[in-house]
Amino acid sequence: MPIHMRPVRTLSVSDREHLKIRRGIKLFTGIDALDRIFGGFPDGSVILVSGLPGSGFDIFAQQILYTASAAGNCNTLYIAADRPPLEVESEMAERGWRIDTLAEKRWEFLDAYTVKQSVLKGIAGAKGFSDLFRGLPSLIKEGRWTAVDTLSSFIEALRFEEVLDVLGELVEKARDSGGLHLLLVVEGLHDEKTMIKLAHTVDGLLNLTLESRCAEPVGLITVKKLRRMNHVKRVISYRITENGLVIETVTRIV
């Protein structure tokens, strides 16, 4: 069986200098407690955000991108694969995150959900969904942050080797163009080996877990990997409120 290998990219002198500058830039989300704890994310970071449904892992990604967009730090492209964009937008508005109040093109949706449903209903072939995923690296541009909600939808529908290949290209494009890129993963849908391979490919893995012994929705963000940020706290407390996640600077003990 032939071994599939991506060609190795040779960096020019200007590429190396550009990458060196990128590595020194930190991106701030606008969420004060989170920015104090992390000291900003390295520019060009691709991070997995995992959690069970109800843990707030999707709220966490939306809050980061909306707050940064509202502050004028970035434009956002939100790839909605699990739910229709209008549903995501409506739930965000209930928390006070009104996309329609942002400047033009500050927030854009890519509707992968409708493409996926067309495939499931037999209206369209699977190639359309695959082509959409393969095109994700080309959507990363200077000044744009992205979210894939969820990467699990693509992992379930496509060959895993194809997913890893596209992720590798996405990471390379993020290095060149900068920005913060969040890939949401539904905990429990994928085996341990799959998660290890995903985490090895990207820059970081944050896991959100609700504490079942607490009466109110509180939980822990576990930092399982953050490349170039080995100094940060490994466990961060949070609460889910009607206005989003509240990050606590003191770890909660239950």
Protein backbone atom coordinates (compact mmCIF):
# COMPACT_ATOMS: atom_id res chain seq x y z
CA MET A 1 0.00 0.00 0.00
CA PRO A 2 1.53 3.37 -0.99
CA ILE A 3 2.19 5.84 1.81
CA HIS A 4 0.47 9.21 1.33
CA MET A 5 2.82 12.09 2.05
CA ARG A 6 2.30 15.83 1.70
CA PRO A 7 5.18 17.64 -0.05
CA VAL A 8 7.54 19.43 2.32
CA ARG A 9 7.37 23.18 1.94
CA THR A 10 10.72 24.95 1.61
CA LEU A 11 10.82 28.32 3.35
CA SER A 12 12.57 31.23 1.67
CA VAL A 13 14.53 33.80 3.67
CA SER A 14 11.57 36.22 3.55
CA ASP A 15 9.22 33.41 4.66
CA ARG A 16 11.43 32.67 7.66
CA GLU A 17 11.55 36.35 8.62
CA HIS A 18 7.76 36.63 8.26
CA LEU A 19 7.26 33.54 10.43
CA LYS A 20 9.64 34.93 13.05
CA ILE A 21 7.58 38.13 13.26
CA ARG A 22 4.33 36.12 13.49
CA ARG A 23 5.67 34.10 16.41
CA GLY A 24 6.21 37.25 18.41
CA ILE A 25 2.65 38.56 17.98
CA LYS A 26 -0.02 37.79 20.60
CA LEU A 27 -3.76 37.92 19.94
CA PHE A 28 -6.18 39.10 22.61
CA THR A 29 -9.79 37.95 22.71
CA GLY A 30 -11.21 40.92 24.63
CA ILE A 31 -12.35 38.58 27.43
CA ASP A 32 -10.33 40.15 30.23
CA ALA A 33 -9.94 37.15 32.56
CA LEU A 34 -9.02 34.84 29.68
CA ASP A 35 -6.49 37.32 28.29
CA ARG A 36 -4.89 37.75 31.72
CA ILE A 37 -4.54 33.99 32.19
CA PHE A 38 -3.17 33.22 28.73
CA GLY A 39 -1.39 36.49 28.06
CA GLY A 40 -2.76 36.37 24.52
CA PHE A 41 -2.69 33.53 21.98
CA PRO A 42 0.22 33.26 19.55
CA ASP A 43 -0.75 34.67 16.14
CA GLY A 44 -1.61 31.93 13.66
CA SER A 45 -2.84 29.42 16.26
CA VAL A 46 -5.16 26.54 15.33
CA ILE A 47 -6.83 25.16 18.45
CA LEU A 48 -9.22 22.27 19.08
CA VAL A 49 -12.02 23.09 21.54
CA SER A 50 -13.70 19.91 22.78
CA GLY A 51 -16.57 19.17 25.11
CA LEU A 52 -19.80 17.30 25.60
CA PRO A 53 -23.05 18.91 24.41
CA GLY A 54 -24.15 21.32 27.13
CA SER A 55 -20.62 21.96 28.40
CA GLY A 56 -20.54 25.37 26.71
CA PHE A 57 -17.65 24.56 24.39
CA ASP A 58 -19.55 26.07 21.44
CA ILE A 59 -20.54 29.14 23.52
CA PHE A 60 -16.86 29.54 24.43
CA ALA A 61 -15.83 29.71 20.75
CA GLN A 62 -18.68 32.06 19.82
CA GLN A 63 -17.89 34.37 22.74
CA ILE A 64 -14.20 34.62 21.84
CA LEU A 65 -14.89 35.40 18.19
CA TYR A 66 -17.78 37.79 18.83
CA THR A 67 -15.91 39.75 21.51
CA ALA A 68 -12.81 40.06 19.31
CA SER A 69 -14.91 41.07 16.29
CA ALA A 70 -16.90 43.65 18.28
CA ALA A 71 -13.63 45.14 19.55
CA GLY A 72 -12.42 45.51 15.96
CA ASN A 73 -9.58 43.01 16.47
CA CYS A 74 -10.63 40.79 13.58
CA ASN A 75 -13.23 39.72 11.06
CA THR A 76 -14.87 36.34 11.70
CA LEU A 77 -15.85 33.47 9.43
CA TYR A 78 -18.05 30.93 11.24
CA ILE A 79 -18.44 27.58 9.46
CA ALA A 80 -21.74 26.13 10.71
CA ALA A 81 -21.93 22.39 9.98
CA ASP A 82 -24.02 21.08 12.89
CA ARG A 83 -26.83 23.65 12.89
CA PRO A 84 -28.27 26.25 10.49
CA PRO A 85 -26.51 29.63 10.71
CA LEU A 86 -29.80 31.36 11.61
CA GLU A 87 -30.16 29.12 14.66
CA VAL A 88 -26.61 29.90 15.80
CA GLU A 89 -27.20 33.62 15.21
CA SER A 90 -30.47 33.54 17.17
CA GLU A 91 -28.89 31.85 20.21
CA MET A 92 -26.01 34.32 20.13
CA ALA A 93 -28.48 37.23 20.05
CA GLU A 94 -30.17 35.85 23.19
CA ARG A 95 -26.83 36.34 24.99
CA GLY A 96 -26.51 39.88 23.71
CA TRP A 97 -24.13 39.02 20.89
CA ARG A 98 -25.92 40.78 18.03
CA ILE A 99 -24.13 40.02 14.80
CA ASP A 100 -26.33 42.49 12.92
CA THR A 101 -24.86 45.35 14.97
CA LEU A 102 -21.31 44.62 13.86
CA ALA A 103 -19.66 46.51 11.04
CA GLU A 104 -20.08 45.07 7.54
CA LYS A 105 -18.19 41.79 7.02
CA ARG A 106 -17.11 41.68 10.67
CA TRP A 107 -19.02 38.38 10.95
CA GLU A 108 -19.85 36.00 8.12
CA PHE A 109 -21.34 32.51 8.11
CA LEU A 110 -20.47 29.66 5.80
CA ASP A 111 -23.50 27.34 5.66
CA ALA A 112 -22.02 23.83 5.67
CA TYR A 113 -25.15 22.53 7.43
CA THR A 114 -27.35 22.78 4.32
CA VAL A 115 -24.68 21.04 2.22
CA LYS A 116 -24.46 18.21 4.78
CA GLN A 117 -28.25 17.81 4.93
CA SER A 118 -28.42 17.63 1.13
CA VAL A 119 -25.93 14.78 1.21
CA LEU A 120 -27.82 12.93 3.98
CA LYS A 121 -31.12 13.27 2.08
CA GLY A 122 -29.57 12.03 -1.15
CA ILE A 123 -30.17 15.34 -2.92
CA ALA A 124 -26.44 15.87 -3.50
CA GLY A 125 -23.40 13.63 -3.56
CA ALA A 126 -20.84 13.45 -0.77
CA LYS A 127 -18.27 15.14 -3.00
CA GLY A 128 -19.83 18.55 -2.33
CA PHE A 129 -19.29 18.22 1.41
CA SER A 130 -15.76 16.93 0.84
CA ASP A 131 -14.94 19.78 -1.54
CA LEU A 132 -16.26 22.30 0.99
CA PHE A 133 -13.94 20.92 3.66
CA ARG A 134 -10.97 20.82 1.32
CA GLY A 135 -11.54 24.49 0.58
CA LEU A 136 -11.30 25.59 4.23
CA PRO A 137 -7.55 26.45 4.14
CA SER A 138 -8.19 28.88 1.27
CA LEU A 139 -10.69 30.78 3.47
CA ILE A 140 -8.05 31.75 6.02
CA LYS A 141 -7.03 35.29 5.25
CA GLU A 142 -5.12 38.12 6.90
CA GLY A 143 -7.20 39.68 9.66
CA ARG A 144 -9.80 36.89 9.70
CA TRP A 145 -10.43 34.50 12.61
CA THR A 146 -12.42 31.33 11.99
CA ALA A 147 -14.43 28.64 13.75
CA VAL A 148 -15.51 25.21 12.47
CA ASP A 149 -18.67 24.10 14.30
CA THR A 150 -18.04 21.25 14.32
CA LEU A 151 -14.97 19.51 12.98
CA SER A 152 -16.67 16.31 14.22
CA SER A 153 -19.23 16.59 11.40
CA PHE A 154 -16.46 16.41 8.81
CA ILE A 155 -14.57 13.65 10.65
CA GLU A 156 -17.74 11.52 10.71
CA ALA A 157 -18.46 12.06 7.01
CA LEU A 158 -15.01 11.95 5.40
CA ARG A 159 -11.97 9.69 5.40
CA PHE A 160 -9.82 10.53 8.40
CA GLU A 161 -6.66 10.65 6.26
CA GLU A 162 -8.35 13.36 4.19
CA VAL A 163 -9.25 15.30 7.35
CA LEU A 164 -5.64 15.20 8.59
CA ASP A 165 -4.34 16.27 5.19
CA VAL A 166 -6.64 19.31 5.11
CA LEU A 167 -5.80 20.18 8.73
CA GLY A 168 -2.11 20.17 7.84
CA GLU A 169 -2.77 22.63 5.02
CA LEU A 170 -4.94 24.74 7.32
CA VAL A 171 -2.18 24.97 9.92
CA GLU A 172 0.33 26.05 7.26
CA LYS A 173 -2.07 28.72 5.96
CA ALA A 174 -2.67 29.98 9.51
CA ARG A 175 1.09 30.36 9.99
CA ASP A 176 1.23 32.57 6.90
CA SER A 177 -1.95 34.60 7.41
CA GLY A 178 -2.16 34.74 11.20
CA GLY A 179 -5.35 34.86 13.24
CA LEU A 180 -6.96 32.52 15.76
CA HIS A 181 -8.76 29.46 14.42
CA LEU A 182 -11.03 27.31 16.60
CA LEU A 183 -12.05 23.78 15.61
CA LEU A 184 -14.90 22.43 17.72
CA VAL A 185 -14.92 18.70 18.52
CA VAL A 186 -17.75 16.80 20.23
CA GLU A 187 -16.27 14.80 23.07
CA GLY A 188 -17.03 11.07 22.99
CA LEU A 189 -17.63 10.83 19.24
CA HIS A 190 -14.02 9.93 18.45
CA ASP A 191 -11.65 7.37 19.93
CA GLU A 192 -8.50 8.28 21.83
CA LYS A 193 -6.18 7.57 18.90
CA THR A 194 -8.16 9.93 16.66
CA MET A 195 -8.00 12.71 19.25
CA ILE A 196 -4.25 12.23 19.73
CA LYS A 197 -3.66 12.51 15.98
CA LEU A 198 -5.79 15.65 15.77
CA ALA A 199 -4.06 17.26 18.75
CA HIS A 200 -0.65 16.39 17.31
CA THR A 201 -1.52 18.17 14.05
CA VAL A 202 -2.76 21.46 15.53
CA ASP A 203 -1.39 23.95 18.05
CA GLY A 204 -3.61 23.31 21.02
CA LEU A 205 -6.40 21.37 22.67
CA LEU A 206 -8.77 22.87 25.25
CA ASN A 207 -11.40 20.64 26.87
CA LEU A 208 -14.50 22.01 28.62
CA THR A 209 -16.16 19.82 31.24
CA LEU A 210 -19.15 20.60 33.46
CA GLU A 211 -18.89 19.57 37.10
CA SER A 212 -21.81 17.19 37.69
CA ARG A 213 -21.63 17.62 41.48
CA CYS A 214 -22.48 21.33 41.30
CA ALA A 215 -26.09 22.54 41.29
CA GLU A 216 -25.29 25.44 38.94
CA PRO A 217 -23.60 25.10 35.53
CA VAL A 218 -19.93 25.42 36.46
CA GLY A 219 -17.01 23.61 34.95
CA LEU A 220 -13.34 23.41 34.12
CA ILE A 221 -11.34 24.28 31.03
CA THR A 222 -8.45 21.83 30.88
CA VAL A 223 -5.47 22.95 28.80
CA LYS A 224 -4.23 19.69 27.31
CA LYS A 225 -1.88 21.27 24.80
CA LEU A 226 -0.85 24.79 23.83
CA ARG A 227 2.21 25.08 21.64
CA ARG A 228 4.48 28.04 22.55
CA MET A 229 2.45 28.57 25.75
CA ASN A 230 3.75 25.98 28.21
CA HIS A 231 3.68 28.54 31.04
CA VAL A 232 -0.13 28.88 31.29
CA LYS A 233 -2.41 27.41 33.96
CA ARG A 234 -3.58 23.91 33.10
CA VAL A 235 -7.04 24.11 34.72
CA ILE A 236 -9.33 27.15 34.54
CA SER A 237 -12.75 27.45 36.20
CA TYR A 238 -15.78 28.84 34.41
CA ARG A 239 -19.50 29.40 34.88
CA ILE A 240 -22.21 29.41 32.21
CA THR A 241 -24.51 32.41 32.55
CA GLU A 242 -27.22 33.91 30.36
CA ASN A 243 -24.56 36.26 28.98
CA GLY A 244 -22.03 33.55 28.14
CA LEU A 245 -19.10 32.02 29.98
CA VAL A 246 -17.57 33.76 32.98
CA ILE A 247 -13.93 32.80 33.40
CA GLU A 248 -12.79 32.58 37.02
CA THR A 249 -9.21 33.42 37.95
CA VAL A 250 -9.25 31.07 40.96
CA THR A 251 -9.64 27.34 40.33
CA ARG A 252 -12.86 26.01 41.85
CA ILE A 253 -12.49 22.97 44.11
CA VAL A 254 -15.53 20.71 44.46
